[in-house]
N, C-alpha and C. Protein backbone atom coordinates (compact mmCIF):
# COMPACT_ATOMS: atom_id res chain seq x y z
N MET A 1 -9.70 -6.62 9.17
CA MET A 1 -8.47 -7.27 8.70
C MET A 1 -8.70 -8.13 7.45
N TYR A 2 -9.85 -8.77 7.50
CA TYR A 2 -10.18 -9.65 6.26
C TYR A 2 -10.26 -8.82 5.06
N ARG A 3 -11.00 -7.66 5.14
CA ARG A 3 -11.21 -6.79 4.03
C ARG A 3 -9.89 -6.21 3.48
N PHE A 4 -9.02 -5.93 4.41
CA PHE A 4 -7.65 -5.41 4.07
C PHE A 4 -6.93 -6.51 3.28
N ALA A 5 -6.87 -7.75 3.91
CA ALA A 5 -6.20 -8.88 3.23
C ALA A 5 -6.70 -9.18 1.91
N LEU A 6 -8.08 -9.12 1.74
CA LEU A 6 -8.70 -9.50 0.49
C LEU A 6 -8.34 -8.43 -0.54
N ARG A 7 -8.38 -7.18 -0.20
CA ARG A 7 -8.01 -6.11 -1.18
C ARG A 7 -6.60 -6.25 -1.68
N LEU A 8 -5.72 -6.71 -0.82
CA LEU A 8 -4.24 -6.82 -1.19
C LEU A 8 -4.01 -8.13 -1.93
N THR A 9 -4.67 -9.22 -1.56
CA THR A 9 -4.34 -10.54 -2.18
C THR A 9 -5.26 -10.84 -3.37
N LYS A 10 -6.48 -10.26 -3.38
CA LYS A 10 -7.49 -10.44 -4.47
C LYS A 10 -7.91 -11.87 -4.57
N ASP A 11 -7.80 -12.60 -3.41
CA ASP A 11 -8.18 -14.02 -3.46
C ASP A 11 -8.72 -14.33 -2.08
N GLU A 12 -10.00 -14.85 -2.08
CA GLU A 12 -10.69 -15.12 -0.74
C GLU A 12 -9.99 -16.15 0.10
N ALA A 13 -9.60 -17.17 -0.50
CA ALA A 13 -8.90 -18.25 0.26
C ALA A 13 -7.52 -17.76 0.81
N GLN A 14 -6.81 -17.07 0.08
CA GLN A 14 -5.59 -16.46 0.47
C GLN A 14 -5.72 -15.46 1.60
N ALA A 15 -6.87 -14.64 1.48
CA ALA A 15 -7.10 -13.64 2.41
C ALA A 15 -7.48 -14.30 3.77
N GLU A 16 -8.17 -15.41 3.73
CA GLU A 16 -8.62 -16.14 4.91
C GLU A 16 -7.36 -16.69 5.60
N ASP A 17 -6.38 -17.22 4.75
CA ASP A 17 -5.20 -17.75 5.32
C ASP A 17 -4.35 -16.62 6.00
N VAL A 18 -4.29 -15.49 5.32
CA VAL A 18 -3.59 -14.29 5.89
C VAL A 18 -4.20 -13.87 7.12
N LEU A 19 -5.47 -13.83 7.17
CA LEU A 19 -6.18 -13.46 8.43
C LEU A 19 -5.82 -14.42 9.58
N GLN A 20 -5.89 -15.69 9.24
CA GLN A 20 -5.59 -16.62 10.34
C GLN A 20 -4.08 -16.48 10.76
N ASP A 21 -3.17 -16.41 9.84
CA ASP A 21 -1.82 -16.19 10.10
C ASP A 21 -1.59 -14.87 11.00
N THR A 22 -2.29 -13.92 10.58
CA THR A 22 -2.15 -12.54 11.32
C THR A 22 -2.49 -12.79 12.74
N PHE A 23 -3.61 -13.34 13.07
CA PHE A 23 -3.99 -13.48 14.46
C PHE A 23 -3.15 -14.45 15.23
N LEU A 24 -2.70 -15.50 14.55
CA LEU A 24 -1.72 -16.45 15.25
C LEU A 24 -0.43 -15.78 15.57
N VAL A 25 0.16 -14.99 14.66
CA VAL A 25 1.40 -14.33 14.83
C VAL A 25 1.20 -13.21 15.90
N ALA A 26 0.04 -12.47 15.84
CA ALA A 26 -0.20 -11.48 16.80
C ALA A 26 -0.33 -12.04 18.20
N MET A 27 -1.00 -13.15 18.38
CA MET A 27 -1.22 -13.79 19.67
C MET A 27 0.24 -14.15 20.28
N LYS A 28 1.07 -14.75 19.41
CA LYS A 28 2.40 -15.16 19.76
C LYS A 28 3.28 -14.03 20.08
N GLY A 29 3.05 -12.96 19.33
CA GLY A 29 3.93 -11.70 19.50
C GLY A 29 3.42 -10.58 20.40
N LEU A 30 2.26 -10.88 20.99
CA LEU A 30 1.61 -9.86 21.87
C LEU A 30 2.49 -9.36 22.96
N ALA A 31 3.23 -10.37 23.56
CA ALA A 31 4.12 -9.99 24.70
C ALA A 31 5.24 -9.07 24.21
N GLY A 32 5.60 -9.18 22.87
CA GLY A 32 6.63 -8.33 22.36
C GLY A 32 6.19 -6.95 21.87
N TRP A 33 4.87 -6.72 21.90
CA TRP A 33 4.42 -5.38 21.45
C TRP A 33 4.80 -4.34 22.52
N ARG A 34 5.47 -3.32 22.07
CA ARG A 34 6.07 -2.28 22.98
C ARG A 34 5.14 -1.14 23.30
N GLY A 35 3.99 -1.12 22.72
CA GLY A 35 3.04 -0.02 22.99
C GLY A 35 3.34 1.20 22.21
N GLU A 36 4.29 1.14 21.28
CA GLU A 36 4.58 2.28 20.43
C GLU A 36 3.54 2.39 19.30
N GLY A 37 2.96 3.48 19.22
CA GLY A 37 1.81 3.67 18.25
C GLY A 37 0.59 2.89 18.77
N SER A 38 -0.41 2.81 17.90
CA SER A 38 -1.63 2.16 18.32
C SER A 38 -1.62 0.60 18.10
N PHE A 39 -2.34 -0.01 18.87
CA PHE A 39 -2.44 -1.55 18.70
C PHE A 39 -3.04 -1.88 17.29
N ARG A 40 -3.97 -1.06 16.86
CA ARG A 40 -4.59 -1.23 15.55
C ARG A 40 -3.55 -1.11 14.44
N GLY A 41 -2.71 -0.14 14.50
CA GLY A 41 -1.66 0.08 13.62
C GLY A 41 -0.67 -1.07 13.55
N TRP A 42 -0.36 -1.61 14.75
CA TRP A 42 0.52 -2.74 14.83
C TRP A 42 -0.08 -3.97 14.24
N LEU A 43 -1.36 -4.22 14.53
CA LEU A 43 -2.07 -5.38 13.95
C LEU A 43 -2.08 -5.29 12.44
N TYR A 44 -2.33 -4.06 11.87
CA TYR A 44 -2.27 -3.89 10.37
C TYR A 44 -0.86 -4.20 9.86
N ALA A 45 0.14 -3.85 10.61
CA ALA A 45 1.50 -4.13 10.21
C ALA A 45 1.80 -5.53 10.14
N VAL A 46 1.19 -6.28 11.19
CA VAL A 46 1.35 -7.73 11.11
C VAL A 46 0.64 -8.38 9.95
N ALA A 47 -0.50 -7.89 9.66
CA ALA A 47 -1.35 -8.35 8.48
C ALA A 47 -0.61 -8.08 7.22
N ARG A 48 -0.06 -6.93 7.02
CA ARG A 48 0.72 -6.57 5.89
C ARG A 48 1.89 -7.44 5.66
N SER A 49 2.52 -7.76 6.83
CA SER A 49 3.71 -8.64 6.77
C SER A 49 3.28 -10.05 6.24
N ARG A 50 2.21 -10.55 6.73
CA ARG A 50 1.71 -11.84 6.28
C ARG A 50 1.25 -11.88 4.88
N VAL A 51 0.69 -10.75 4.36
CA VAL A 51 0.39 -10.62 2.94
C VAL A 51 1.62 -10.66 2.05
N LEU A 52 2.65 -9.90 2.49
CA LEU A 52 3.92 -9.90 1.77
C LEU A 52 4.54 -11.28 1.73
N MET A 53 4.50 -12.00 2.86
CA MET A 53 5.05 -13.31 2.90
C MET A 53 4.30 -14.19 1.97
N ALA A 54 3.01 -14.14 1.98
CA ALA A 54 2.16 -14.98 1.09
C ALA A 54 2.48 -14.67 -0.32
N ARG A 55 2.61 -13.33 -0.66
CA ARG A 55 2.89 -12.96 -2.06
C ARG A 55 4.26 -13.53 -2.52
N ARG A 56 5.20 -13.43 -1.56
CA ARG A 56 6.62 -13.98 -1.98
C ARG A 56 6.51 -15.46 -2.15
N ARG A 57 5.85 -16.22 -1.32
CA ARG A 57 5.72 -17.69 -1.46
C ARG A 57 5.02 -17.98 -2.81
N LYS A 58 4.04 -17.15 -3.11
CA LYS A 58 3.24 -17.37 -4.36
C LYS A 58 4.16 -17.13 -5.55
N VAL A 59 4.81 -15.98 -5.63
CA VAL A 59 5.58 -15.63 -6.81
C VAL A 59 6.99 -16.21 -6.78
N GLY A 60 7.57 -16.29 -5.48
CA GLY A 60 8.89 -16.87 -5.39
C GLY A 60 9.94 -15.73 -5.48
N GLU A 61 9.60 -14.52 -5.42
CA GLU A 61 10.59 -13.52 -5.46
C GLU A 61 10.14 -12.25 -4.71
N PRO A 62 11.08 -11.40 -4.30
CA PRO A 62 10.68 -10.25 -3.37
C PRO A 62 9.75 -9.33 -4.07
N GLU A 63 9.05 -8.51 -3.24
CA GLU A 63 8.19 -7.41 -3.73
C GLU A 63 8.91 -6.50 -4.60
N SER A 64 8.27 -6.08 -5.69
CA SER A 64 8.79 -5.15 -6.68
C SER A 64 8.88 -3.75 -6.06
N PHE A 65 9.81 -3.02 -6.59
CA PHE A 65 9.86 -1.58 -6.07
C PHE A 65 8.83 -0.69 -6.83
N GLU A 66 8.36 0.33 -6.18
CA GLU A 66 7.33 1.21 -6.71
C GLU A 66 7.96 2.07 -7.77
N SER A 67 7.30 2.32 -8.85
CA SER A 67 7.78 3.18 -9.80
C SER A 67 7.79 4.65 -9.32
N GLN A 68 8.74 5.46 -9.91
CA GLN A 68 8.83 6.81 -9.38
C GLN A 68 8.54 7.85 -10.50
N GLU A 69 7.30 7.80 -11.03
CA GLU A 69 6.91 8.80 -11.97
C GLU A 69 6.88 10.15 -11.22
N SER A 70 7.15 11.22 -12.00
CA SER A 70 7.13 12.54 -11.42
C SER A 70 5.69 12.95 -11.12
N LEU A 71 5.50 13.79 -10.20
CA LEU A 71 4.19 14.28 -9.82
C LEU A 71 3.44 14.95 -10.98
N GLU A 72 4.32 15.57 -11.83
CA GLU A 72 3.72 16.21 -13.00
C GLU A 72 3.09 15.12 -13.96
N VAL A 73 3.77 14.12 -14.21
CA VAL A 73 3.29 12.99 -15.07
C VAL A 73 2.09 12.37 -14.41
N LEU A 74 2.10 12.05 -13.10
CA LEU A 74 0.88 11.51 -12.41
C LEU A 74 -0.26 12.54 -12.47
N GLY A 75 -0.06 13.78 -12.27
CA GLY A 75 -1.09 14.75 -12.27
C GLY A 75 -1.73 14.86 -13.65
N LEU A 76 -0.87 14.79 -14.67
CA LEU A 76 -1.47 14.80 -16.04
C LEU A 76 -2.34 13.56 -16.27
N GLN A 77 -1.85 12.32 -15.85
CA GLN A 77 -2.56 11.15 -15.99
C GLN A 77 -3.92 11.20 -15.22
N ALA A 78 -3.86 11.85 -14.07
CA ALA A 78 -5.04 11.98 -13.26
C ALA A 78 -5.99 13.06 -13.79
N GLY A 79 -5.55 13.81 -14.80
CA GLY A 79 -6.48 14.78 -15.43
C GLY A 79 -6.36 16.17 -14.92
N TRP A 80 -5.32 16.58 -14.34
CA TRP A 80 -5.13 18.02 -13.92
C TRP A 80 -5.45 18.90 -15.11
N GLY A 81 -6.33 19.80 -14.90
CA GLY A 81 -6.74 20.81 -15.98
C GLY A 81 -7.58 20.20 -17.06
N ALA A 82 -7.97 18.98 -16.93
CA ALA A 82 -8.84 18.33 -17.97
C ALA A 82 -10.33 18.78 -17.70
N PRO A 83 -11.10 18.71 -18.76
CA PRO A 83 -12.47 19.18 -18.63
C PRO A 83 -13.45 18.36 -17.84
N MET A 84 -13.06 17.11 -17.42
CA MET A 84 -14.00 16.34 -16.71
C MET A 84 -14.44 16.98 -15.34
N GLU A 85 -15.76 17.07 -15.12
CA GLU A 85 -16.28 17.73 -13.98
C GLU A 85 -15.91 16.90 -12.69
N ALA A 86 -15.66 17.58 -11.64
CA ALA A 86 -15.34 16.95 -10.36
C ALA A 86 -16.47 16.11 -9.92
N GLU A 87 -17.75 16.59 -10.00
CA GLU A 87 -18.85 15.78 -9.60
C GLU A 87 -19.05 14.50 -10.39
N ALA A 88 -18.71 14.53 -11.66
CA ALA A 88 -18.88 13.29 -12.47
C ALA A 88 -17.74 12.35 -12.01
N LEU A 89 -16.61 12.79 -11.80
CA LEU A 89 -15.55 11.88 -11.32
C LEU A 89 -15.88 11.36 -9.95
N ALA A 90 -16.34 12.14 -9.02
CA ALA A 90 -16.73 11.65 -7.70
C ALA A 90 -17.84 10.59 -7.81
N ALA A 91 -18.84 10.80 -8.67
CA ALA A 91 -19.88 9.84 -8.90
C ALA A 91 -19.31 8.52 -9.52
N ARG A 92 -18.39 8.58 -10.36
CA ARG A 92 -17.81 7.48 -11.02
C ARG A 92 -17.01 6.66 -9.98
N VAL A 93 -16.26 7.36 -9.08
CA VAL A 93 -15.54 6.68 -8.00
C VAL A 93 -16.42 5.94 -6.99
N GLN A 94 -17.54 6.49 -6.76
CA GLN A 94 -18.46 5.90 -5.87
C GLN A 94 -19.20 4.53 -6.36
N GLU A 95 -18.97 4.28 -7.67
CA GLU A 95 -19.46 3.00 -8.19
C GLU A 95 -18.44 1.97 -7.76
N GLN A 96 -18.90 1.01 -6.95
CA GLN A 96 -17.94 -0.03 -6.37
C GLN A 96 -17.15 -0.72 -7.43
N SER A 97 -17.71 -1.15 -8.56
CA SER A 97 -17.02 -1.94 -9.53
C SER A 97 -15.89 -1.10 -10.15
N VAL A 98 -16.20 0.17 -10.36
CA VAL A 98 -15.14 1.13 -10.93
C VAL A 98 -13.92 1.25 -9.96
N LEU A 99 -14.21 1.44 -8.67
CA LEU A 99 -13.20 1.56 -7.70
C LEU A 99 -12.37 0.30 -7.58
N GLU A 100 -13.10 -0.84 -7.53
CA GLU A 100 -12.40 -2.10 -7.50
C GLU A 100 -11.39 -2.32 -8.65
N ALA A 101 -11.94 -1.99 -9.86
CA ALA A 101 -11.07 -2.11 -11.13
C ALA A 101 -9.98 -1.17 -11.03
N ALA A 102 -10.10 0.06 -10.53
CA ALA A 102 -8.96 0.94 -10.42
C ALA A 102 -8.01 0.51 -9.48
N LEU A 103 -8.37 -0.02 -8.30
CA LEU A 103 -7.55 -0.53 -7.30
C LEU A 103 -6.70 -1.74 -7.84
N ALA A 104 -7.42 -2.57 -8.59
CA ALA A 104 -6.76 -3.79 -9.12
C ALA A 104 -5.52 -3.39 -10.04
N GLN A 105 -5.66 -2.26 -10.71
CA GLN A 105 -4.61 -1.73 -11.63
C GLN A 105 -3.43 -1.21 -10.94
N LEU A 106 -3.50 -0.88 -9.61
CA LEU A 106 -2.39 -0.29 -8.86
C LEU A 106 -1.35 -1.26 -8.46
N GLU A 107 -0.17 -0.77 -8.26
CA GLU A 107 0.89 -1.58 -7.69
C GLU A 107 0.58 -1.89 -6.17
N PRO A 108 1.08 -2.94 -5.68
CA PRO A 108 0.70 -3.35 -4.33
C PRO A 108 0.95 -2.26 -3.31
N ALA A 109 2.04 -1.51 -3.41
CA ALA A 109 2.43 -0.49 -2.43
C ALA A 109 1.30 0.61 -2.47
N ASP A 110 0.80 0.93 -3.66
CA ASP A 110 -0.18 1.97 -3.79
C ASP A 110 -1.51 1.54 -3.20
N ARG A 111 -1.90 0.27 -3.51
CA ARG A 111 -3.11 -0.24 -3.01
C ARG A 111 -3.07 -0.38 -1.48
N GLU A 112 -1.96 -0.77 -0.92
CA GLU A 112 -1.83 -0.85 0.53
C GLU A 112 -2.16 0.45 1.18
N VAL A 113 -1.43 1.52 0.78
CA VAL A 113 -1.68 2.81 1.44
C VAL A 113 -3.06 3.37 1.28
N LEU A 114 -3.65 3.12 0.11
CA LEU A 114 -5.02 3.59 -0.10
C LEU A 114 -5.99 2.79 0.70
N VAL A 115 -5.85 1.53 0.74
CA VAL A 115 -6.77 0.64 1.54
C VAL A 115 -6.70 1.07 3.05
N LEU A 116 -5.47 1.16 3.57
CA LEU A 116 -5.37 1.42 4.99
C LEU A 116 -5.86 2.82 5.35
N ARG A 117 -5.52 3.87 4.56
CA ARG A 117 -5.81 5.25 4.87
C ARG A 117 -7.25 5.56 4.47
N ASP A 118 -7.65 5.33 3.24
CA ASP A 118 -8.88 5.78 2.72
C ASP A 118 -10.12 4.82 2.89
N LEU A 119 -9.84 3.56 2.75
CA LEU A 119 -10.93 2.59 2.92
C LEU A 119 -11.10 1.99 4.34
N GLU A 120 -9.94 1.73 5.03
CA GLU A 120 -10.00 1.19 6.42
C GLU A 120 -10.07 2.36 7.41
N GLY A 121 -9.76 3.55 7.01
CA GLY A 121 -9.93 4.68 7.90
C GLY A 121 -8.82 4.81 8.98
N LEU A 122 -7.66 4.27 8.74
CA LEU A 122 -6.54 4.46 9.73
C LEU A 122 -6.11 5.94 9.77
N SER A 123 -5.64 6.36 10.83
CA SER A 123 -5.06 7.63 10.92
C SER A 123 -3.75 7.67 10.09
N GLY A 124 -3.16 8.86 9.87
CA GLY A 124 -1.99 8.93 9.14
C GLY A 124 -0.85 8.23 9.87
N GLU A 125 -0.78 8.42 11.24
CA GLU A 125 0.23 7.79 12.02
C GLU A 125 0.14 6.29 12.07
N ASP A 126 -1.14 5.74 12.16
CA ASP A 126 -1.31 4.34 12.18
C ASP A 126 -1.01 3.70 10.77
N THR A 127 -1.36 4.42 9.77
CA THR A 127 -1.06 3.91 8.39
C THR A 127 0.47 3.88 8.21
N ALA A 128 1.18 4.90 8.61
CA ALA A 128 2.61 4.93 8.49
C ALA A 128 3.24 3.73 9.25
N GLN A 129 2.72 3.55 10.45
CA GLN A 129 3.20 2.53 11.34
C GLN A 129 2.98 1.18 10.69
N ALA A 130 1.81 0.94 10.14
CA ALA A 130 1.49 -0.39 9.51
C ALA A 130 2.37 -0.61 8.31
N LEU A 131 2.77 0.38 7.54
CA LEU A 131 3.61 0.22 6.43
C LEU A 131 5.09 0.33 6.74
N GLY A 132 5.45 0.67 7.93
CA GLY A 132 6.80 0.83 8.30
C GLY A 132 7.48 2.00 7.65
N LEU A 133 6.75 3.09 7.52
CA LEU A 133 7.17 4.32 6.89
C LEU A 133 7.14 5.47 7.89
N SER A 134 7.89 6.56 7.61
CA SER A 134 7.74 7.77 8.36
C SER A 134 6.37 8.40 7.90
N LEU A 135 5.84 9.24 8.76
CA LEU A 135 4.57 9.94 8.35
C LEU A 135 4.77 10.77 6.99
N PRO A 136 5.85 11.57 6.84
CA PRO A 136 5.97 12.22 5.51
C PRO A 136 6.11 11.25 4.37
N ALA A 137 6.82 10.15 4.50
CA ALA A 137 6.91 9.19 3.37
C ALA A 137 5.60 8.53 3.11
N MET A 138 4.78 8.21 4.16
CA MET A 138 3.43 7.76 3.94
C MET A 138 2.54 8.74 3.18
N LYS A 139 2.64 10.00 3.56
CA LYS A 139 1.83 11.03 2.93
C LYS A 139 2.22 11.16 1.50
N SER A 140 3.51 11.11 1.19
CA SER A 140 3.94 11.20 -0.24
C SER A 140 3.43 10.04 -1.09
N ARG A 141 3.52 8.77 -0.43
CA ARG A 141 3.03 7.61 -1.14
C ARG A 141 1.61 7.76 -1.39
N LEU A 142 0.86 8.14 -0.36
CA LEU A 142 -0.65 8.27 -0.45
C LEU A 142 -1.01 9.23 -1.61
N HIS A 143 -0.29 10.39 -1.64
CA HIS A 143 -0.68 11.36 -2.66
C HIS A 143 -0.46 10.77 -4.05
N ARG A 144 0.65 10.10 -4.22
CA ARG A 144 0.95 9.45 -5.56
C ARG A 144 -0.08 8.42 -5.83
N ALA A 145 -0.50 7.62 -4.88
CA ALA A 145 -1.49 6.49 -5.06
C ALA A 145 -2.84 7.10 -5.41
N ARG A 146 -3.22 8.16 -4.76
CA ARG A 146 -4.48 8.76 -5.05
C ARG A 146 -4.46 9.34 -6.53
N LEU A 147 -3.31 9.90 -6.96
CA LEU A 147 -3.20 10.37 -8.34
C LEU A 147 -3.31 9.20 -9.32
N ARG A 148 -2.78 8.10 -8.93
CA ARG A 148 -2.84 6.90 -9.87
C ARG A 148 -4.24 6.36 -9.87
N VAL A 149 -4.93 6.26 -8.74
CA VAL A 149 -6.24 5.71 -8.81
C VAL A 149 -7.21 6.64 -9.53
N VAL A 150 -7.05 7.96 -9.45
CA VAL A 150 -7.87 8.89 -10.25
C VAL A 150 -7.57 8.69 -11.72
N ALA A 151 -6.38 8.56 -12.07
CA ALA A 151 -5.99 8.33 -13.48
C ALA A 151 -6.60 6.99 -13.96
N ALA A 152 -6.63 5.96 -13.15
CA ALA A 152 -7.21 4.75 -13.53
C ALA A 152 -8.70 4.82 -13.70
N VAL A 153 -9.37 5.61 -12.75
CA VAL A 153 -10.77 5.82 -12.90
C VAL A 153 -11.10 6.57 -14.15
N LYS A 154 -10.39 7.60 -14.45
CA LYS A 154 -10.61 8.38 -15.63
C LYS A 154 -10.32 7.57 -16.86
N GLY A 155 -9.35 6.79 -16.90
CA GLY A 155 -9.01 5.96 -18.01
C GLY A 155 -10.11 4.97 -18.32
N GLY A 156 -10.83 4.45 -17.28
CA GLY A 156 -11.86 3.54 -17.41
C GLY A 156 -13.18 4.22 -17.82
N SER A 157 -13.28 5.64 -17.68
CA SER A 157 -14.51 6.28 -18.06
C SER A 157 -14.54 6.64 -19.50
N ARG A 158 -13.44 6.51 -20.25
CA ARG A 158 -13.32 6.97 -21.73
C ARG A 158 -14.38 6.16 -22.56
N GLY A 159 -14.59 4.84 -22.20
CA GLY A 159 -15.48 4.11 -23.05
C GLY A 159 -16.89 4.22 -22.64
N ASN A 160 -17.23 5.00 -21.59
CA ASN A 160 -18.59 5.12 -21.05
C ASN A 160 -19.26 6.35 -21.56
């Protein structure tokens, strides 16, 4: 939970506050949990809610809407058909600092779905539950987020 909060807030103190709020809210709301989906997915949904509330308090306005670039534009930005070797890209993504920099460039909605599904290892159903999305909507958001992170990684490799 802390790792999830830290990746979304990018601030250790704020992530600690979110973690504490998450468990307080979860303890108070445990009786209201209906058993739909997994407990883990529900707990991530609570954490996500606390992150969004912290973000709104910090900025003073609601969460921005995700941009809707076409898949073709995202694919081109990610390098579909470009000469970069898949192995070179995979090696680059495995560098922690490169991945962190790429994640930092993403919109919050993209970062959330990637962190939950790819870094925290939640199932598709649990990720969708945590984000309050249908499974197909989560898969679509995840695909777009993965394209954006690849584009960010490739963009960062130009100077190397």
